[in-house]
Amino acid sequence: MSKRVEITSQQNHNKSLLYSNKPKFKEDLRENIHKDEMPLDGILFEKIPEKKFNEVIEKIRYKARLENIKDLKLLVISILLTLFIIFLFVEKVEEELKNRQNQSTLILGQR
């Protein structure tokens, strides 16, 4: 019974679309991209003085330099931390190898 209800609701939906003012196909909804005329409702280009333009470019470059320095600091810190951890790990492994070597020489010496 629920299938019948779903079918009728779908049919009602389709009927409502018949009388709507919407275009039938998606292509009709799209605005033509390739136009030769200038849009009147959009934002037009604004001319700014060259001095102000250069100031804005310098601010952008300054912020980019600060960002690069910040990234470089994080990179150096992570490299140093990684090297420290590797050094500790190598030291522990060498210590364990010495202990095993000493144990094996003791076992061989007892035989």
PDB file of N, CA and C in Angstrom:
ATOM      1  N   MET A   1       0.816  -1.188   0.000  1.00  0.00           N
ATOM      2  CA  MET A   1       0.000   0.000   0.000  1.00  0.00           C
ATOM      3  C   MET A   1       0.865   1.259   0.000  1.00  0.00           C
ATOM      4  N   SER A   2       1.991   1.184   0.667  1.00  0.00           N
ATOM      5  CA  SER A   2       2.852   2.361   0.709  1.00  0.00           C
ATOM      6  C   SER A   2       3.427   2.681  -0.665  1.00  0.00           C
ATOM      7  N   LYS A   3       3.636   1.626  -1.491  1.00  0.00           N
ATOM      8  CA  LYS A   3       4.135   1.865  -2.839  1.00  0.00           C
ATOM      9  C   LYS A   3       3.126   2.676  -3.638  1.00  0.00           C
ATOM     10  N   ARG A   4       1.871   2.380  -3.454  1.00  0.00           N
ATOM     11  CA  ARG A   4       0.824   3.106  -4.181  1.00  0.00           C
ATOM     12  C   ARG A   4       0.802   4.571  -3.761  1.00  0.00           C
ATOM     13  N   VAL A   5       1.001   4.825  -2.477  1.00  0.00           N
ATOM     14  CA  VAL A   5       1.021   6.195  -1.975  1.00  0.00           C
ATOM     15  C   VAL A   5       2.215   6.937  -2.562  1.00  0.00           C
ATOM     16  N   GLU A   6       3.360   6.261  -2.619  1.00  0.00           N
ATOM     17  CA  GLU A   6       4.549   6.890  -3.190  1.00  0.00           C
ATOM     18  C   GLU A   6       4.338   7.206  -4.663  1.00  0.00           C
ATOM     19  N   ILE A   7       3.702   6.310  -5.365  1.00  0.00           N
ATOM     20  CA  ILE A   7       3.465   6.529  -6.789  1.00  0.00           C
ATOM     21  C   ILE A   7       2.540   7.723  -6.987  1.00  0.00           C
ATOM     22  N   THR A   8       1.486   7.805  -6.203  1.00  0.00           N
ATOM     23  CA  THR A   8       0.558   8.919  -6.375  1.00  0.00           C
ATOM     24  C   THR A   8       1.219  10.234  -5.997  1.00  0.00           C
ATOM     25  N   SER A   9       2.052  10.235  -4.973  1.00  0.00           N
ATOM     26  CA  SER A   9       2.725  11.480  -4.615  1.00  0.00           C
ATOM     27  C   SER A   9       3.698  11.896  -5.712  1.00  0.00           C
ATOM     28  N   GLN A  10       4.355  10.925  -6.336  1.00  0.00           N
ATOM     29  CA  GLN A  10       5.249  11.229  -7.454  1.00  0.00           C
ATOM     30  C   GLN A  10       4.448  11.762  -8.641  1.00  0.00           C
ATOM     31  N   GLN A  11       3.286  11.162  -8.870  1.00  0.00           N
ATOM     32  CA  GLN A  11       2.435  11.635  -9.964  1.00  0.00           C
ATOM     33  C   GLN A  11       1.955  13.057  -9.712  1.00  0.00           C
ATOM     34  N   ASN A  12       1.606  13.351  -8.468  1.00  0.00           N
ATOM     35  CA  ASN A  12       1.180  14.706  -8.124  1.00  0.00           C
ATOM     36  C   ASN A  12       2.319  15.696  -8.317  1.00  0.00           C
ATOM     37  N   HIS A  13       3.492  15.269  -7.957  1.00  0.00           N
ATOM     38  CA  HIS A  13       4.661  16.129  -8.137  1.00  0.00           C
ATOM     39  C   HIS A  13       4.880  16.422  -9.622  1.00  0.00           C
ATOM     40  N   ASN A  14       4.787  15.392 -10.434  1.00  0.00           N
ATOM     41  CA  ASN A  14       4.965  15.567 -11.876  1.00  0.00           C
ATOM     42  C   ASN A  14       3.895  16.483 -12.462  1.00  0.00           C
ATOM     43  N   LYS A  15       2.666  16.360 -11.984  1.00  0.00           N
ATOM     44  CA  LYS A  15       1.592  17.224 -12.472  1.00  0.00           C
ATOM     45  C   LYS A  15       1.854  18.679 -12.112  1.00  0.00           C
ATOM     46  N   SER A  16       2.376  18.902 -10.913  1.00  0.00           N
ATOM     47  CA  SER A  16       2.651  20.279 -10.510  1.00  0.00           C
ATOM     48  C   SER A  16       3.757  20.892 -11.361  1.00  0.00           C
ATOM     49  N   LEU A  17       4.687  20.062 -11.803  1.00  0.00           N
ATOM     50  CA  LEU A  17       5.756  20.576 -12.657  1.00  0.00           C
ATOM     51  C   LEU A  17       5.251  20.917 -14.058  1.00  0.00           C
ATOM     52  N   LEU A  18       4.186  20.267 -14.470  1.00  0.00           N
ATOM     53  CA  LEU A  18       3.650  20.527 -15.808  1.00  0.00           C
ATOM     54  C   LEU A  18       3.222  21.975 -15.973  1.00  0.00           C
ATOM     55  N   TYR A  19       2.649  22.533 -14.938  1.00  0.00           N
ATOM     56  CA  TYR A  19       2.076  23.867 -15.039  1.00  0.00           C
ATOM     57  C   TYR A  19       3.002  24.948 -14.504  1.00  0.00           C
ATOM     58  N   SER A  20       4.232  24.594 -14.191  1.00  0.00           N
ATOM     59  CA  SER A  20       5.149  25.603 -13.667  1.00  0.00           C
ATOM     60  C   SER A  20       5.774  26.385 -14.817  1.00  0.00           C
ATOM     61  N   ASN A  21       6.375  27.493 -14.494  1.00  0.00           N
ATOM     62  CA  ASN A  21       7.004  28.344 -15.502  1.00  0.00           C
ATOM     63  C   ASN A  21       8.473  28.009 -15.701  1.00  0.00           C
ATOM     64  N   LYS A  22       8.944  26.963 -15.073  1.00  0.00           N
ATOM     65  CA  LYS A  22      10.354  26.602 -15.193  1.00  0.00           C
ATOM     66  C   LYS A  22      10.629  26.056 -16.586  1.00  0.00           C
ATOM     67  N   PRO A  23      11.826  26.320 -17.106  1.00  0.00           N
ATOM     68  CA  PRO A  23      12.187  25.724 -18.391  1.00  0.00           C
ATOM     69  C   PRO A  23      12.269  24.207 -18.264  1.00  0.00           C
ATOM     70  N   LYS A  24      12.034  23.542 -19.359  1.00  0.00           N
ATOM     71  CA  LYS A  24      11.951  22.090 -19.326  1.00  0.00           C
ATOM     72  C   LYS A  24      13.322  21.441 -19.169  1.00  0.00           C
ATOM     73  N   PHE A  25      14.364  22.006 -19.787  1.00  0.00           N
ATOM     74  CA  PHE A  25      15.677  21.385 -19.781  1.00  0.00           C
ATOM     75  C   PHE A  25      16.683  22.266 -19.055  1.00  0.00           C
ATOM     76  N   LYS A  26      17.732  21.643 -18.544  1.00  0.00           N
ATOM     77  CA  LYS A  26      18.755  22.381 -17.806  1.00  0.00           C
ATOM     78  C   LYS A  26      19.468  23.402 -18.689  1.00  0.00           C
ATOM     79  N   GLU A  27      19.627  23.081 -19.967  1.00  0.00           N
ATOM     80  CA  GLU A  27      20.353  23.980 -20.860  1.00  0.00           C
ATOM     81  C   GLU A  27      19.666  25.338 -20.946  1.00  0.00           C
ATOM     82  N   ASP A  28      18.359  25.348 -20.802  1.00  0.00           N
ATOM     83  CA  ASP A  28      17.627  26.607 -20.873  1.00  0.00           C
ATOM     84  C   ASP A  28      17.854  27.456 -19.629  1.00  0.00           C
ATOM     85  N   LEU A  29      18.246  26.826 -18.528  1.00  0.00           N
ATOM     86  CA  LEU A  29      18.491  27.564 -17.291  1.00  0.00           C
ATOM     87  C   LEU A  29      19.811  28.316 -17.335  1.00  0.00           C
ATOM     88  N   ARG A  30      20.745  27.818 -18.113  1.00  0.00           N
ATOM     89  CA  ARG A  30      22.078  28.412 -18.135  1.00  0.00           C
ATOM     90  C   ARG A  30      22.073  29.728 -18.897  1.00  0.00           C
ATOM     91  N   GLU A  31      22.875  30.630 -18.380  1.00  0.00           N
ATOM     92  CA  GLU A  31      23.042  31.901 -19.071  1.00  0.00           C
ATOM     93  C   GLU A  31      24.153  31.727 -20.097  1.00  0.00           C
ATOM     94  N   ASN A  32      24.016  32.380 -21.200  1.00  0.00           N
ATOM     95  CA  ASN A  32      25.025  32.256 -22.242  1.00  0.00           C
ATOM     96  C   ASN A  32      26.341  32.850 -21.746  1.00  0.00           C
ATOM     97  N   ILE A  33      27.402  32.064 -21.739  1.00  0.00           N
ATOM     98  CA  ILE A  33      28.689  32.510 -21.217  1.00  0.00           C
ATOM     99  C   ILE A  33      29.395  33.409 -22.215  1.00  0.00           C
ATOM    100  N   HIS A  34      29.313  33.063 -23.471  1.00  0.00           N
ATOM    101  CA  HIS A  34      30.054  33.790 -24.501  1.00  0.00           C
ATOM    102  C   HIS A  34      29.205  34.952 -25.017  1.00  0.00           C
ATOM    103  N   LYS A  35      29.381  36.106 -24.391  1.00  0.00           N
ATOM    104  CA  LYS A  35      28.639  37.299 -24.794  1.00  0.00           C
ATOM    105  C   LYS A  35      29.629  38.354 -25.252  1.00  0.00           C
ATOM    106  N   ASP A  36      29.214  39.138 -26.207  1.00  0.00           N
ATOM    107  CA  ASP A  36      30.054  40.239 -26.675  1.00  0.00           C
ATOM    108  C   ASP A  36      29.724  41.535 -25.971  1.00  0.00           C
ATOM    109  N   GLU A  37      28.613  41.591 -25.302  1.00  0.00           N
ATOM    110  CA  GLU A  37      28.216  42.837 -24.662  1.00  0.00           C
ATOM    111  C   GLU A  37      28.643  42.851 -23.196  1.00  0.00           C
ATOM    112  N   MET A  38      28.880  44.043 -22.687  1.00  0.00           N
ATOM    113  CA  MET A  38      29.329  44.230 -21.314  1.00  0.00           C
ATOM    114  C   MET A  38      28.125  44.132 -20.377  1.00  0.00           C
ATOM    115  N   PRO A  39      28.215  43.342 -19.275  1.00  0.00           N
ATOM    116  CA  PRO A  39      27.082  43.272 -18.350  1.00  0.00           C
ATOM    117  C   PRO A  39      26.909  44.597 -17.619  1.00  0.00           C
ATOM    118  N   LEU A  40      25.676  45.012 -17.464  1.00  0.00           N
ATOM    119  CA  LEU A  40      25.407  46.293 -16.816  1.00  0.00           C
ATOM    120  C   LEU A  40      25.202  46.142 -15.318  1.00  0.00           C
ATOM    121  N   ASP A  41      24.920  44.944 -14.852  1.00  0.00           N
ATOM    122  CA  ASP A  41      24.636  44.755 -13.438  1.00  0.00           C
ATOM    123  C   ASP A  41      25.866  44.347 -12.633  1.00  0.00           C
ATOM    124  N   GLY A  42      26.977  44.046 -13.278  1.00  0.00           N
ATOM    125  CA  GLY A  42      28.173  43.580 -12.586  1.00  0.00           C
ATOM    126  C   GLY A  42      29.033  44.725 -12.084  1.00  0.00           C
ATOM    127  N   ILE A  43      30.106  44.364 -11.379  1.00  0.00           N
ATOM    128  CA  ILE A  43      31.055  45.356 -10.878  1.00  0.00           C
ATOM    129  C   ILE A  43      32.065  45.627 -11.976  1.00  0.00           C
ATOM    130  N   LEU A  44      32.244  46.875 -12.294  1.00  0.00           N
ATOM    131  CA  LEU A  44      33.215  47.241 -13.319  1.00  0.00           C
ATOM    132  C   LEU A  44      34.576  47.461 -12.673  1.00  0.00           C
ATOM    133  N   PHE A  45      35.608  47.483 -13.478  1.00  0.00           N
ATOM    134  CA  PHE A  45      36.954  47.691 -12.969  1.00  0.00           C
ATOM    135  C   PHE A  45      37.105  49.111 -12.448  1.00  0.00           C
ATOM    136  N   GLU A  46      37.853  49.213 -11.369  1.00  0.00           N
ATOM    137  CA  GLU A  46      38.092  50.519 -10.772  1.00  0.00           C
ATOM    138  C   GLU A  46      39.561  50.860 -10.951  1.00  0.00           C
ATOM    139  N   LYS A  47      39.825  52.046 -11.424  1.00  0.00           N
ATOM    140  CA  LYS A  47      41.216  52.470 -11.613  1.00  0.00           C
ATOM    141  C   LYS A  47      41.730  53.014 -10.287  1.00  0.00           C
ATOM    142  N   ILE A  48      42.880  52.496  -9.844  1.00  0.00           N
ATOM    143  CA  ILE A  48      43.493  52.981  -8.614  1.00  0.00           C
ATOM    144  C   ILE A  48      44.856  53.553  -8.960  1.00  0.00           C
ATOM    145  N   PRO A  49      45.342  54.473  -8.140  1.00  0.00           N
ATOM    146  CA  PRO A  49      46.657  55.059  -8.418  1.00  0.00           C
ATOM    147  C   PRO A  49      47.761  54.008  -8.299  1.00  0.00           C
ATOM    148  N   GLU A  50      48.815  54.199  -9.071  1.00  0.00           N
ATOM    149  CA  GLU A  50      49.914  53.229  -9.086  1.00  0.00           C
ATOM    150  C   GLU A  50      50.608  53.157  -7.729  1.00  0.00           C
ATOM    151  N   LYS A  51      50.675  54.289  -7.027  1.00  0.00           N
ATOM    152  CA  LYS A  51      51.324  54.315  -5.715  1.00  0.00           C
ATOM    153  C   LYS A  51      50.578  53.412  -4.722  1.00  0.00           C
ATOM    154  N   LYS A  52      49.266  53.522  -4.707  1.00  0.00           N
ATOM    155  CA  LYS A  52      48.465  52.696  -3.802  1.00  0.00           C
ATOM    156  C   LYS A  52      48.573  51.223  -4.197  1.00  0.00           C
ATOM    157  N   PHE A  53      48.583  50.959  -5.499  1.00  0.00           N
ATOM    158  CA  PHE A  53      48.730  49.594  -5.996  1.00  0.00           C
ATOM    159  C   PHE A  53      50.044  48.991  -5.515  1.00  0.00           C
ATOM    160  N   ASN A  54      51.132  49.762  -5.620  1.00  0.00           N
ATOM    161  CA  ASN A  54      52.446  49.286  -5.170  1.00  0.00           C
ATOM    162  C   ASN A  54      52.473  49.056  -3.664  1.00  0.00           C
ATOM    163  N   GLU A  55      51.780  49.917  -2.902  1.00  0.00           N
ATOM    164  CA  GLU A  55      51.715  49.728  -1.446  1.00  0.00           C
ATOM    165  C   GLU A  55      51.014  48.410  -1.098  1.00  0.00           C
ATOM    166  N   VAL A  56      49.936  48.133  -1.794  1.00  0.00           N
ATOM    167  CA  VAL A  56      49.199  46.892  -1.541  1.00  0.00           C
ATOM    168  C   VAL A  56      50.062  45.685  -1.883  1.00  0.00           C
ATOM    169  N   ILE A  57      50.779  45.753  -3.007  1.00  0.00           N
ATOM    170  CA  ILE A  57      51.668  44.658  -3.403  1.00  0.00           C
ATOM    171  C   ILE A  57      52.761  44.463  -2.357  1.00  0.00           C
ATOM    172  N   GLU A  58      53.325  45.538  -1.846  1.00  0.00           N
ATOM    173  CA  GLU A  58      54.366  45.438  -0.812  1.00  0.00           C
ATOM    174  C   GLU A  58      53.822  44.815   0.468  1.00  0.00           C
ATOM    175  N   LYS A  59      52.595  45.183   0.854  1.00  0.00           N
ATOM    176  CA  LYS A  59      51.988  44.582   2.049  1.00  0.00           C
ATOM    177  C   LYS A  59      51.799  43.081   1.862  1.00  0.00           C
ATOM    178  N   ILE A  60      51.361  42.697   0.679  1.00  0.00           N
ATOM    179  CA  ILE A  60      51.161  41.269   0.401  1.00  0.00           C
ATOM    180  C   ILE A  60      52.488  40.533   0.467  1.00  0.00           C
ATOM    181  N   ARG A  61      53.522  41.114  -0.130  1.00  0.00           N
ATOM    182  CA  ARG A  61      54.845  40.479  -0.103  1.00  0.00           C
ATOM    183  C   ARG A  61      55.390  40.398   1.316  1.00  0.00           C
ATOM    184  N   TYR A  62      55.172  41.438   2.120  1.00  0.00           N
ATOM    185  CA  TYR A  62      55.648  41.442   3.507  1.00  0.00           C
ATOM    186  C   TYR A  62      54.965  40.326   4.308  1.00  0.00           C
ATOM    187  N   LYS A  63      53.651  40.205   4.145  1.00  0.00           N
ATOM    188  CA  LYS A  63      52.926  39.152   4.864  1.00  0.00           C
ATOM    189  C   LYS A  63      53.356  37.773   4.392  1.00  0.00           C
ATOM    190  N   ALA A  64      53.661  37.650   3.100  1.00  0.00           N
ATOM    191  CA  ALA A  64      54.130  36.361   2.581  1.00  0.00           C
ATOM    192  C   ALA A  64      55.494  36.019   3.173  1.00  0.00           C
ATOM    193  N   ARG A  65      56.380  37.021   3.297  1.00  0.00           N
ATOM    194  CA  ARG A  65      57.691  36.780   3.922  1.00  0.00           C
ATOM    195  C   ARG A  65      57.531  36.333   5.365  1.00  0.00           C
ATOM    196  N   LEU A  66      56.651  37.005   6.113  1.00  0.00           N
ATOM    197  CA  LEU A  66      56.419  36.608   7.507  1.00  0.00           C
ATOM    198  C   LEU A  66      55.893  35.177   7.592  1.00  0.00           C
ATOM    199  N   GLU A  67      55.015  34.829   6.684  1.00  0.00           N
ATOM    200  CA  GLU A  67      54.469  33.469   6.661  1.00  0.00           C
ATOM    201  C   GLU A  67      55.560  32.452   6.346  1.00  0.00           C
ATOM    202  N   ASN A  68      56.448  32.800   5.405  1.00  0.00           N
ATOM    203  CA  ASN A  68      57.554  31.900   5.066  1.00  0.00           C
ATOM    204  C   ASN A  68      58.507  31.724   6.244  1.00  0.00           C
ATOM    205  N   ILE A  69      58.787  32.806   6.959  1.00  0.00           N
ATOM    206  CA  ILE A  69      59.671  32.726   8.129  1.00  0.00           C
ATOM    207  C   ILE A  69      59.032  31.846   9.207  1.00  0.00           C
ATOM    208  N   LYS A  70      57.738  32.020   9.402  1.00  0.00           N
ATOM    209  CA  LYS A  70      57.019  31.203  10.390  1.00  0.00           C
ATOM    210  C   LYS A  70      57.090  29.721  10.015  1.00  0.00           C
ATOM    211  N   ASP A  71      56.864  29.423   8.736  1.00  0.00           N
ATOM    212  CA  ASP A  71      56.945  28.032   8.276  1.00  0.00           C
ATOM    213  C   ASP A  71      58.352  27.478   8.430  1.00  0.00           C
ATOM    214  N   LEU A  72      59.361  28.305   8.152  1.00  0.00           N
ATOM    215  CA  LEU A  72      60.751  27.870   8.286  1.00  0.00           C
ATOM    216  C   LEU A  72      61.083  27.554   9.744  1.00  0.00           C
ATOM    217  N   LYS A  73      60.599  28.383  10.665  1.00  0.00           N
ATOM    218  CA  LYS A  73      60.828  28.125  12.090  1.00  0.00           C
ATOM    219  C   LYS A  73      60.212  26.789  12.504  1.00  0.00           C
ATOM    220  N   LEU A  74      58.985  26.553  12.069  1.00  0.00           N
ATOM    221  CA  LEU A  74      58.334  25.285  12.402  1.00  0.00           C
ATOM    222  C   LEU A  74      59.085  24.102  11.805  1.00  0.00           C
ATOM    223  N   LEU A  75      59.605  24.270  10.594  1.00  0.00           N
ATOM    224  CA  LEU A  75      60.365  23.205   9.951  1.00  0.00           C
ATOM    225  C   LEU A  75      61.636  22.897  10.731  1.00  0.00           C
ATOM    226  N   VAL A  76      62.360  23.936  11.142  1.00  0.00           N
ATOM    227  CA  VAL A  76      63.604  23.738  11.896  1.00  0.00           C
ATOM    228  C   VAL A  76      63.316  23.059  13.230  1.00  0.00           C
ATOM    229  N   ILE A  77      62.273  23.501  13.912  1.00  0.00           N
ATOM    230  CA  ILE A  77      61.926  22.901  15.204  1.00  0.00           C
ATOM    231  C   ILE A  77      61.563  21.427  15.026  1.00  0.00           C
ATOM    232  N   SER A  78      60.787  21.116  13.997  1.00  0.00           N
ATOM    233  CA  SER A  78      60.397  19.717  13.792  1.00  0.00           C
ATOM    234  C   SER A  78      61.597  18.854  13.407  1.00  0.00           C
ATOM    235  N   ILE A  79      62.530  19.400  12.620  1.00  0.00           N
ATOM    236  CA  ILE A  79      63.737  18.644  12.263  1.00  0.00           C
ATOM    237  C   ILE A  79      64.580  18.372  13.500  1.00  0.00           C
ATOM    238  N   LEU A  80      64.773  19.392  14.340  1.00  0.00           N
ATOM    239  CA  LEU A  80      65.569  19.205  15.556  1.00  0.00           C
ATOM    240  C   LEU A  80      64.916  18.190  16.493  1.00  0.00           C
ATOM    241  N   LEU A  81      63.608  18.273  16.629  1.00  0.00           N
ATOM    242  CA  LEU A  81      62.900  17.329  17.487  1.00  0.00           C
ATOM    243  C   LEU A  81      63.025  15.903  16.945  1.00  0.00           C
ATOM    244  N   THR A  82      62.916  15.758  15.647  1.00  0.00           N
ATOM    245  CA  THR A  82      63.057  14.435  15.030  1.00  0.00           C
ATOM    246  C   THR A  82      64.456  13.880  15.237  1.00  0.00           C
ATOM    247  N   LEU A  83      65.469  14.713  15.042  1.00  0.00           N
ATOM    248  CA  LEU A  83      66.852  14.269  15.247  1.00  0.00           C
ATOM    249  C   LEU A  83      67.096  13.863  16.699  1.00  0.00           C
ATOM    250  N   PHE A  84      66.530  14.609  17.634  1.00  0.00           N
ATOM    251  CA  PHE A  84      66.676  14.283  19.048  1.00  0.00           C
ATOM    252  C   PHE A  84      66.044  12.925  19.357  1.00  0.00           C
ATOM    253  N   ILE A  85      64.853  12.692  18.820  1.00  0.00           N
ATOM    254  CA  ILE A  85      64.180  11.408  19.047  1.00  0.00           C
ATOM    255  C   ILE A  85      64.969  10.270  18.416  1.00  0.00           C
ATOM    256  N   ILE A  86      65.490  10.489  17.213  1.00  0.00           N
ATOM    257  CA  ILE A  86      66.299   9.457  16.552  1.00  0.00           C
ATOM    258  C   ILE A  86      67.555   9.170  17.365  1.00  0.00           C
ATOM    259  N   PHE A  87      68.204  10.211  17.880  1.00  0.00           N
ATOM    260  CA  PHE A  87      69.410  10.031  18.692  1.00  0.00           C
ATOM    261  C   PHE A  87      69.103   9.194  19.930  1.00  0.00           C
ATOM    262  N   LEU A  88      67.992   9.502  20.612  1.00  0.00           N
ATOM    263  CA  LEU A  88      67.618   8.719  21.790  1.00  0.00           C
ATOM    264  C   LEU A  88      67.331   7.269  21.417  1.00  0.00           C
ATOM    265  N   PHE A  89      66.660   7.053  20.316  1.00  0.00           N
ATOM    266  CA  PHE A  89      66.331   5.702  19.876  1.00  0.00           C
ATOM    267  C   PHE A  89      67.596   4.912  19.551  1.00  0.00           C
ATOM    268  N   VAL A  90      68.534   5.537  18.836  1.00  0.00           N
ATOM    269  CA  VAL A  90      69.780   4.859  18.468  1.00  0.00           C
ATOM    270  C   VAL A  90      70.573   4.517  19.723  1.00  0.00           C
ATOM    271  N   GLU A  91      70.592   5.434  20.676  1.00  0.00           N
ATOM    272  CA  GLU A  91      71.314   5.188  21.923  1.00  0.00           C
ATOM    273  C   GLU A  91      70.708   3.996  22.669  1.00  0.00           C
ATOM    274  N   LYS A  92      69.387   3.928  22.737  1.00  0.00           N
ATOM    275  CA  LYS A  92      68.721   2.808  23.415  1.00  0.00           C
ATOM    276  C   LYS A  92      69.003   1.494  22.690  1.00  0.00           C
ATOM    277  N   VAL A  93      68.991   1.515  21.358  1.00  0.00           N
ATOM    278  CA  VAL A  93      69.238   0.294  20.589  1.00  0.00           C
ATOM    279  C   VAL A  93      70.672  -0.176  20.800  1.00  0.00           C
ATOM    280  N   GLU A  94      71.627   0.763  20.776  1.00  0.00           N
ATOM    281  CA  GLU A  94      73.029   0.386  20.998  1.00  0.00           C
ATOM    282  C   GLU A  94      73.213  -0.206  22.390  1.00  0.00           C
ATOM    283  N   GLU A  95      72.556   0.385  23.379  1.00  0.00           N
ATOM    284  CA  GLU A  95      72.642  -0.123  24.750  1.00  0.00           C
ATOM    285  C   GLU A  95      72.066  -1.536  24.830  1.00  0.00           C
ATOM    286  N   GLU A  96      70.947  -1.769  24.178  1.00  0.00           N
ATOM    287  CA  GLU A  96      70.331  -3.097  24.173  1.00  0.00           C
ATOM    288  C   GLU A  96      71.227  -4.112  23.469  1.00  0.00           C
ATOM    289  N   LEU A  97      71.847  -3.709  22.364  1.00  0.00           N
ATOM    290  CA  LEU A  97      72.755  -4.615  21.654  1.00  0.00           C
ATOM    291  C   LEU A  97      73.964  -4.985  22.516  1.00  0.00           C
ATOM    292  N   LYS A  98      74.495  -4.014  23.253  1.00  0.00           N
ATOM    293  CA  LYS A  98      75.629  -4.298  24.148  1.00  0.00           C
ATOM    294  C   LYS A  98      75.210  -5.281  25.236  1.00  0.00           C
ATOM    295  N   ASN A  99      74.015  -5.082  25.794  1.00  0.00           N
ATOM    296  CA  ASN A  99      73.523  -5.995  26.828  1.00  0.00           C
ATOM    297  C   ASN A  99      73.374  -7.409  26.287  1.00  0.00           C
ATOM    298  N   ARG A 100      72.824  -7.543  25.095  1.00  0.00           N
ATOM    299  CA  ARG A 100      72.658  -8.870  24.500  1.00  0.00           C
ATOM    300  C   ARG A 100      74.006  -9.505  24.177  1.00  0.00           C
ATOM    301  N   GLN A 101      74.943  -8.687  23.723  1.00  0.00           N
ATOM    302  CA  GLN A 101      76.273  -9.217  23.405  1.00  0.00           C
ATOM    303  C   GLN A 101      76.955  -9.703  24.680  1.00  0.00           C
ATOM    304  N   ASN A 102      76.826  -8.935  25.749  1.00  0.00           N
ATOM    305  CA  ASN A 102      77.407  -9.347  27.032  1.00  0.00           C
ATOM    306  C   ASN A 102      76.755 -10.631  27.539  1.00  0.00           C
ATOM    307  N   GLN A 103      75.449 -10.736  27.386  1.00  0.00           N
ATOM    308  CA  GLN A 103      74.758 -11.945  27.822  1.00  0.00           C
ATOM    309  C   GLN A 103      75.189 -13.149  26.997  1.00  0.00           C
ATOM    310  N   SER A 104      75.353 -12.942  25.690  1.00  0.00           N
ATOM    311  CA  SER A 104      75.758 -14.073  24.846  1.00  0.00           C
ATOM    312  C   SER A 104      77.194 -14.497  25.152  1.00  0.00           C
ATOM    313  N   THR A 105      78.085 -13.550  25.459  1.00  0.00           N
ATOM    314  CA  THR A 105      79.458 -13.927  25.809  1.00  0.00           C
ATOM    315  C   THR A 105      79.488 -14.651  27.147  1.00  0.00           C
ATOM    316  N   LEU A 106      78.613 -14.245  28.083  1.00  0.00           N
ATOM    317  CA  LEU A 106      78.543 -14.933  29.370  1.00  0.00           C
ATOM    318  C   LEU A 106      78.050 -16.361  29.187  1.00  0.00           C
ATOM    319  N   ILE A 107      77.034 -16.524  28.332  1.00  0.00           N
ATOM    320  CA  ILE A 107      76.490 -17.866  28.095  1.00  0.00           C
ATOM    321  C   ILE A 107      77.540 -18.738  27.416  1.00  0.00           C
ATOM    322  N   LEU A 108      78.243 -18.194  26.428  1.00  0.00           N
ATOM    323  CA  LEU A 108      79.278 -18.957  25.733  1.00  0.00           C
ATOM    324  C   LEU A 108      80.461 -19.263  26.658  1.00  0.00           C
ATOM    325  N   GLY A 109      80.768 -18.342  27.562  1.00  0.00           N
ATOM    326  CA  GLY A 109      81.878 -18.549  28.488  1.00  0.00           C
ATOM    327  C   GLY A 109      81.579 -19.623  29.514  1.00  0.00           C
ATOM    328  N   GLN A 110      80.317 -19.828  29.857  1.00  0.00           N
ATOM    329  CA  GLN A 110      79.950 -20.841  30.837  1.00  0.00           C
ATOM    330  C   GLN A 110      80.018 -22.237  30.250  1.00  0.00           C
ATOM    331  N   ARG A 111      79.944 -22.406  28.968  1.00  0.00           N
ATOM    332  CA  ARG A 111      79.961 -23.742  28.360  1.00  0.00           C
ATOM    333  C   ARG A 111      81.307 -24.275  28.285  1.00  0.00           C
TER     334      ARG A 111
END
